[in-house]
Amino acid sequence: MTSFTVMGKLPELVVVLLEEATKQIRAAARAKKPDRRPRRGRTLRAGPDTPVWNQLVKHAAPFLRKRGDKVKLARLLGVSRQRLHQLLVERSACADAERTLLLVAWVHARRSGQEWA
């Protein structure tokens, strides 16, 4: 088989791969049933269902680049460095209301050019 023949088959292979990927994505979407029960009283987890939290984390990230910034913020919020990592880096958890409000105030102060804690 010449290289010209192999290159001629490449677009066909890409199309086949994309079609298979699309089928798998659709099957996965059908398999996941939406939770129709109300989420009253349940703790939210960070992810696509928490767009406001995601934006807050996005706005906080530029202020946490220097060495020691995360430690200072963790002390201000009253959480461990590991918990702060879960909140802002892993995004596997959301903070409670008091800490969220503190984080909002901290981001606002930093955006205004003030050093807060």
N, C-alpha and C. Protein backbone atom coordinates (compact mmCIF):
# COMPACT_ATOMS: atom_id res chain seq x y z
N MET A 1 0.85 -1.17 0.00
CA MET A 1 0.00 0.00 0.00
C MET A 1 0.90 1.23 0.00
N THR A 2 0.66 2.16 -0.88
CA THR A 2 1.49 3.36 -0.97
C THR A 2 1.03 4.37 0.06
N SER A 3 1.91 5.34 0.29
CA SER A 3 1.56 6.37 1.27
C SER A 3 0.40 7.22 0.76
N PHE A 4 0.26 7.35 -0.55
CA PHE A 4 -0.85 8.12 -1.10
C PHE A 4 -2.17 7.43 -0.77
N THR A 5 -2.21 6.10 -0.85
CA THR A 5 -3.42 5.36 -0.54
C THR A 5 -3.77 5.47 0.94
N VAL A 6 -2.75 5.42 1.81
CA VAL A 6 -2.98 5.55 3.25
C VAL A 6 -3.50 6.95 3.56
N MET A 7 -2.92 7.97 2.95
CA MET A 7 -3.37 9.34 3.20
C MET A 7 -4.79 9.55 2.68
N GLY A 8 -5.14 8.83 1.60
CA GLY A 8 -6.49 8.94 1.06
C GLY A 8 -7.52 8.36 2.01
N LYS A 9 -7.14 7.37 2.80
CA LYS A 9 -8.05 6.71 3.74
C LYS A 9 -8.16 7.46 5.06
N LEU A 10 -7.25 8.37 5.34
CA LEU A 10 -7.22 9.08 6.61
C LEU A 10 -8.51 9.85 6.88
N PRO A 11 -9.03 10.66 5.94
CA PRO A 11 -10.29 11.35 6.23
C PRO A 11 -11.44 10.40 6.53
N GLU A 12 -11.47 9.25 5.85
CA GLU A 12 -12.54 8.28 6.13
C GLU A 12 -12.43 7.75 7.55
N LEU A 13 -11.21 7.49 7.99
CA LEU A 13 -10.98 7.00 9.35
C LEU A 13 -11.41 8.04 10.38
N VAL A 14 -11.09 9.29 10.12
CA VAL A 14 -11.48 10.37 11.05
C VAL A 14 -12.99 10.45 11.15
N VAL A 15 -13.67 10.34 10.03
CA VAL A 15 -15.13 10.39 10.03
C VAL A 15 -15.71 9.22 10.83
N VAL A 16 -15.17 8.04 10.63
CA VAL A 16 -15.65 6.85 11.37
C VAL A 16 -15.43 7.04 12.87
N LEU A 17 -14.24 7.53 13.24
CA LEU A 17 -13.95 7.75 14.66
C LEU A 17 -14.90 8.78 15.27
N LEU A 18 -15.17 9.85 14.54
CA LEU A 18 -16.09 10.88 15.05
C LEU A 18 -17.50 10.34 15.19
N GLU A 19 -17.93 9.51 14.24
CA GLU A 19 -19.26 8.92 14.33
C GLU A 19 -19.37 8.00 15.55
N GLU A 20 -18.36 7.22 15.80
CA GLU A 20 -18.36 6.33 16.97
C GLU A 20 -18.35 7.12 18.27
N ALA A 21 -17.56 8.18 18.30
CA ALA A 21 -17.51 9.02 19.50
C ALA A 21 -18.87 9.65 19.76
N THR A 22 -19.52 10.10 18.69
CA THR A 22 -20.85 10.71 18.83
C THR A 22 -21.85 9.69 19.38
N LYS A 23 -21.79 8.45 18.88
CA LYS A 23 -22.69 7.41 19.38
C LYS A 23 -22.47 7.17 20.87
N GLN A 24 -21.21 7.12 21.29
CA GLN A 24 -20.90 6.88 22.70
C GLN A 24 -21.37 8.03 23.58
N ILE A 25 -21.21 9.25 23.10
CA ILE A 25 -21.66 10.42 23.87
C ILE A 25 -23.17 10.39 24.02
N ARG A 26 -23.86 10.09 22.93
CA ARG A 26 -25.33 10.02 23.00
C ARG A 26 -25.80 8.91 23.93
N ALA A 27 -25.15 7.76 23.88
CA ALA A 27 -25.52 6.65 24.76
C ALA A 27 -25.28 7.01 26.21
N ALA A 28 -24.18 7.68 26.49
CA ALA A 28 -23.90 8.10 27.87
C ALA A 28 -24.92 9.12 28.35
N ALA A 29 -25.33 10.01 27.46
CA ALA A 29 -26.32 11.02 27.83
C ALA A 29 -27.68 10.38 28.12
N ARG A 30 -28.03 9.36 27.35
CA ARG A 30 -29.30 8.66 27.60
C ARG A 30 -29.25 7.86 28.89
N ALA A 31 -28.09 7.28 29.19
CA ALA A 31 -27.96 6.44 30.37
C ALA A 31 -28.08 7.26 31.65
N LYS A 32 -27.63 8.49 31.61
CA LYS A 32 -27.70 9.34 32.79
C LYS A 32 -29.08 9.97 32.87
N LYS A 33 -29.83 9.54 33.86
CA LYS A 33 -31.16 10.09 34.04
C LYS A 33 -31.07 11.36 34.88
N PRO A 34 -31.75 12.39 34.47
CA PRO A 34 -31.72 13.61 35.27
C PRO A 34 -32.42 13.41 36.60
N ASP A 35 -31.88 14.04 37.62
CA ASP A 35 -32.47 13.96 38.95
C ASP A 35 -33.66 14.90 39.01
N ARG A 36 -34.83 14.35 39.03
CA ARG A 36 -36.04 15.17 38.99
C ARG A 36 -36.53 15.57 40.38
N ARG A 37 -35.90 14.99 41.40
CA ARG A 37 -36.31 15.34 42.75
C ARG A 37 -35.75 16.71 43.12
N PRO A 38 -36.48 17.48 43.89
CA PRO A 38 -35.95 18.78 44.31
C PRO A 38 -34.74 18.60 45.22
N ARG A 39 -33.82 19.53 45.15
CA ARG A 39 -32.58 19.44 45.91
C ARG A 39 -32.68 20.21 47.23
N ARG A 40 -33.85 20.34 47.76
CA ARG A 40 -34.03 21.09 49.01
C ARG A 40 -33.22 20.49 50.14
N GLY A 41 -32.43 21.32 50.77
CA GLY A 41 -31.69 20.88 51.94
C GLY A 41 -30.44 20.09 51.65
N ARG A 42 -30.18 19.78 50.40
CA ARG A 42 -28.98 19.00 50.06
C ARG A 42 -27.83 19.94 49.76
N THR A 43 -26.64 19.52 50.10
CA THR A 43 -25.45 20.32 49.86
C THR A 43 -25.08 20.27 48.39
N LEU A 44 -24.78 21.44 47.84
CA LEU A 44 -24.35 21.50 46.45
C LEU A 44 -22.90 21.08 46.32
N ARG A 45 -22.58 20.46 45.24
CA ARG A 45 -21.21 20.12 44.89
C ARG A 45 -20.79 21.03 43.75
N ALA A 46 -19.55 21.45 43.77
CA ALA A 46 -19.06 22.30 42.68
C ALA A 46 -19.11 21.53 41.37
N GLY A 47 -19.44 22.23 40.33
CA GLY A 47 -19.53 21.61 39.01
C GLY A 47 -20.42 22.44 38.11
N PRO A 48 -20.97 21.84 37.08
CA PRO A 48 -21.80 22.60 36.15
C PRO A 48 -23.06 23.17 36.77
N ASP A 49 -23.51 22.61 37.89
CA ASP A 49 -24.72 23.10 38.55
C ASP A 49 -24.46 24.31 39.43
N THR A 50 -23.20 24.75 39.53
CA THR A 50 -22.85 25.89 40.38
C THR A 50 -22.09 26.95 39.58
N PRO A 51 -22.76 27.59 38.62
CA PRO A 51 -22.05 28.55 37.77
C PRO A 51 -21.55 29.79 38.51
N VAL A 52 -22.26 30.22 39.52
CA VAL A 52 -21.82 31.41 40.26
C VAL A 52 -20.55 31.10 41.05
N TRP A 53 -20.52 29.93 41.69
CA TRP A 53 -19.31 29.50 42.42
C TRP A 53 -18.13 29.39 41.46
N ASN A 54 -18.37 28.82 40.29
CA ASN A 54 -17.30 28.65 39.31
C ASN A 54 -16.73 30.01 38.89
N GLN A 55 -17.58 31.01 38.72
CA GLN A 55 -17.11 32.34 38.35
C GLN A 55 -16.33 32.99 39.49
N LEU A 56 -16.77 32.77 40.72
CA LEU A 56 -16.05 33.31 41.88
C LEU A 56 -14.66 32.72 41.96
N VAL A 57 -14.55 31.43 41.77
CA VAL A 57 -13.24 30.76 41.80
C VAL A 57 -12.36 31.28 40.66
N LYS A 58 -12.96 31.48 39.51
CA LYS A 58 -12.22 32.00 38.36
C LYS A 58 -11.66 33.39 38.64
N HIS A 59 -12.44 34.23 39.32
CA HIS A 59 -11.99 35.59 39.65
C HIS A 59 -10.97 35.60 40.78
N ALA A 60 -11.00 34.59 41.64
CA ALA A 60 -10.04 34.52 42.75
C ALA A 60 -8.68 34.00 42.29
N ALA A 61 -8.66 33.17 41.27
CA ALA A 61 -7.44 32.49 40.85
C ALA A 61 -6.26 33.42 40.56
N PRO A 62 -6.44 34.55 39.87
CA PRO A 62 -5.27 35.39 39.59
C PRO A 62 -4.59 35.96 40.83
N PHE A 63 -5.30 36.03 41.92
CA PHE A 63 -4.74 36.60 43.15
C PHE A 63 -4.07 35.54 44.03
N LEU A 64 -4.00 34.33 43.55
CA LEU A 64 -3.43 33.24 44.33
C LEU A 64 -2.19 32.65 43.65
N ARG A 65 -1.48 33.47 42.92
CA ARG A 65 -0.33 32.98 42.16
C ARG A 65 0.98 33.06 42.95
N LYS A 66 1.11 34.07 43.79
CA LYS A 66 2.36 34.23 44.54
C LYS A 66 2.43 33.24 45.70
N ARG A 67 3.65 32.90 46.04
CA ARG A 67 3.89 31.97 47.15
C ARG A 67 3.30 32.55 48.44
N GLY A 68 2.52 31.74 49.12
CA GLY A 68 1.95 32.13 50.41
C GLY A 68 0.56 32.73 50.33
N ASP A 69 0.09 33.06 49.12
CA ASP A 69 -1.24 33.66 48.99
C ASP A 69 -2.35 32.70 49.42
N LYS A 70 -2.22 31.45 49.06
CA LYS A 70 -3.25 30.47 49.42
C LYS A 70 -3.28 30.23 50.93
N VAL A 71 -2.11 30.23 51.55
CA VAL A 71 -2.04 30.03 53.00
C VAL A 71 -2.73 31.19 53.71
N LYS A 72 -2.45 32.41 53.25
CA LYS A 72 -3.09 33.58 53.87
C LYS A 72 -4.61 33.53 53.71
N LEU A 73 -5.05 33.15 52.53
CA LEU A 73 -6.50 33.07 52.30
C LEU A 73 -7.12 31.95 53.14
N ALA A 74 -6.44 30.83 53.26
CA ALA A 74 -6.95 29.73 54.08
C ALA A 74 -7.11 30.17 55.53
N ARG A 75 -6.13 30.92 56.03
CA ARG A 75 -6.23 31.43 57.41
C ARG A 75 -7.38 32.40 57.56
N LEU A 76 -7.56 33.27 56.57
CA LEU A 76 -8.66 34.23 56.61
C LEU A 76 -10.01 33.52 56.64
N LEU A 77 -10.14 32.50 55.80
CA LEU A 77 -11.41 31.76 55.73
C LEU A 77 -11.60 30.78 56.88
N GLY A 78 -10.51 30.47 57.59
CA GLY A 78 -10.61 29.53 58.70
C GLY A 78 -10.71 28.09 58.25
N VAL A 79 -10.03 27.77 57.15
CA VAL A 79 -10.02 26.40 56.64
C VAL A 79 -8.56 25.95 56.48
N SER A 80 -8.37 24.66 56.34
CA SER A 80 -7.03 24.15 56.12
C SER A 80 -6.60 24.42 54.67
N ARG A 81 -5.31 24.31 54.43
CA ARG A 81 -4.81 24.48 53.07
C ARG A 81 -5.38 23.41 52.15
N GLN A 82 -5.55 22.21 52.68
CA GLN A 82 -6.09 21.12 51.89
C GLN A 82 -7.54 21.41 51.48
N ARG A 83 -8.31 21.94 52.43
CA ARG A 83 -9.71 22.27 52.13
C ARG A 83 -9.78 23.40 51.11
N LEU A 84 -8.90 24.38 51.23
CA LEU A 84 -8.87 25.47 50.26
C LEU A 84 -8.54 24.92 48.87
N HIS A 85 -7.63 23.96 48.82
CA HIS A 85 -7.29 23.31 47.55
C HIS A 85 -8.52 22.63 46.96
N GLN A 86 -9.30 21.95 47.79
CA GLN A 86 -10.52 21.30 47.31
C GLN A 86 -11.52 22.33 46.78
N LEU A 87 -11.58 23.47 47.45
CA LEU A 87 -12.53 24.50 47.05
C LEU A 87 -12.14 25.19 45.75
N LEU A 88 -10.87 25.58 45.63
CA LEU A 88 -10.47 26.45 44.54
C LEU A 88 -9.73 25.77 43.40
N VAL A 89 -9.03 24.70 43.67
CA VAL A 89 -8.23 24.05 42.62
C VAL A 89 -8.95 22.82 42.08
N GLU A 90 -9.26 21.88 42.97
CA GLU A 90 -9.97 20.67 42.54
C GLU A 90 -11.41 20.98 42.16
N ARG A 91 -11.98 21.98 42.80
CA ARG A 91 -13.39 22.34 42.65
C ARG A 91 -14.29 21.15 42.93
N SER A 92 -13.93 20.43 43.98
CA SER A 92 -14.72 19.27 44.38
C SER A 92 -15.63 19.59 45.55
N ALA A 93 -15.62 20.83 46.01
CA ALA A 93 -16.45 21.22 47.14
C ALA A 93 -16.82 22.69 47.01
N CYS A 94 -17.86 23.07 47.71
CA CYS A 94 -18.27 24.48 47.80
C CYS A 94 -18.17 24.90 49.26
N ALA A 95 -17.86 26.16 49.47
CA ALA A 95 -17.76 26.67 50.84
C ALA A 95 -19.15 26.97 51.39
N ASP A 96 -19.23 27.07 52.71
CA ASP A 96 -20.50 27.46 53.31
C ASP A 96 -20.73 28.96 53.07
N ALA A 97 -21.87 29.45 53.50
CA ALA A 97 -22.27 30.83 53.20
C ALA A 97 -21.30 31.86 53.77
N GLU A 98 -20.89 31.69 55.00
CA GLU A 98 -20.00 32.67 55.64
C GLU A 98 -18.66 32.75 54.90
N ARG A 99 -18.09 31.61 54.60
CA ARG A 99 -16.79 31.60 53.90
C ARG A 99 -16.93 32.09 52.46
N THR A 100 -18.05 31.82 51.84
CA THR A 100 -18.28 32.32 50.48
C THR A 100 -18.35 33.84 50.49
N LEU A 101 -19.05 34.40 51.47
CA LEU A 101 -19.14 35.86 51.56
C LEU A 101 -17.77 36.47 51.86
N LEU A 102 -16.99 35.82 52.71
CA LEU A 102 -15.62 36.28 52.97
C LEU A 102 -14.77 36.24 51.69
N LEU A 103 -14.94 35.18 50.92
CA LEU A 103 -14.19 35.05 49.67
C LEU A 103 -14.60 36.14 48.68
N VAL A 104 -15.89 36.44 48.60
CA VAL A 104 -16.38 37.52 47.73
C VAL A 104 -15.76 38.85 48.16
N ALA A 105 -15.76 39.13 49.46
CA ALA A 105 -15.18 40.37 49.97
C ALA A 105 -13.68 40.42 49.70
N TRP A 106 -13.00 39.29 49.86
CA TRP A 106 -11.56 39.23 49.61
C TRP A 106 -11.24 39.50 48.14
N VAL A 107 -12.00 38.88 47.24
CA VAL A 107 -11.78 39.11 45.80
C VAL A 107 -12.05 40.56 45.46
N HIS A 108 -13.10 41.13 46.02
CA HIS A 108 -13.42 42.54 45.76
C HIS A 108 -12.29 43.44 46.24
N ALA A 109 -11.78 43.18 47.44
CA ALA A 109 -10.69 44.00 47.97
C ALA A 109 -9.44 43.87 47.10
N ARG A 110 -9.11 42.66 46.70
CA ARG A 110 -7.93 42.46 45.86
C ARG A 110 -8.08 43.12 44.50
N ARG A 111 -9.28 43.06 43.93
CA ARG A 111 -9.52 43.72 42.64
C ARG A 111 -9.44 45.23 42.76
N SER A 112 -9.74 45.74 43.95
CA SER A 112 -9.64 47.17 44.21
C SER A 112 -8.23 47.61 44.53
N GLY A 113 -7.32 46.64 44.62
CA GLY A 113 -5.92 46.95 44.90
C GLY A 113 -5.58 46.96 46.36
N GLN A 114 -6.47 46.53 47.22
CA GLN A 114 -6.20 46.50 48.65
C GLN A 114 -5.65 45.14 49.06
N GLU A 115 -4.73 45.15 49.99
CA GLU A 115 -4.20 43.90 50.55
C GLU A 115 -5.07 43.57 51.76
N TRP A 116 -5.78 42.48 51.70
CA TRP A 116 -6.68 42.11 52.80
C TRP A 116 -6.23 40.79 53.36
N ALA A 117 -5.72 40.82 54.55
CA ALA A 117 -5.22 39.65 55.29
C ALA A 117 -4.01 39.03 54.69
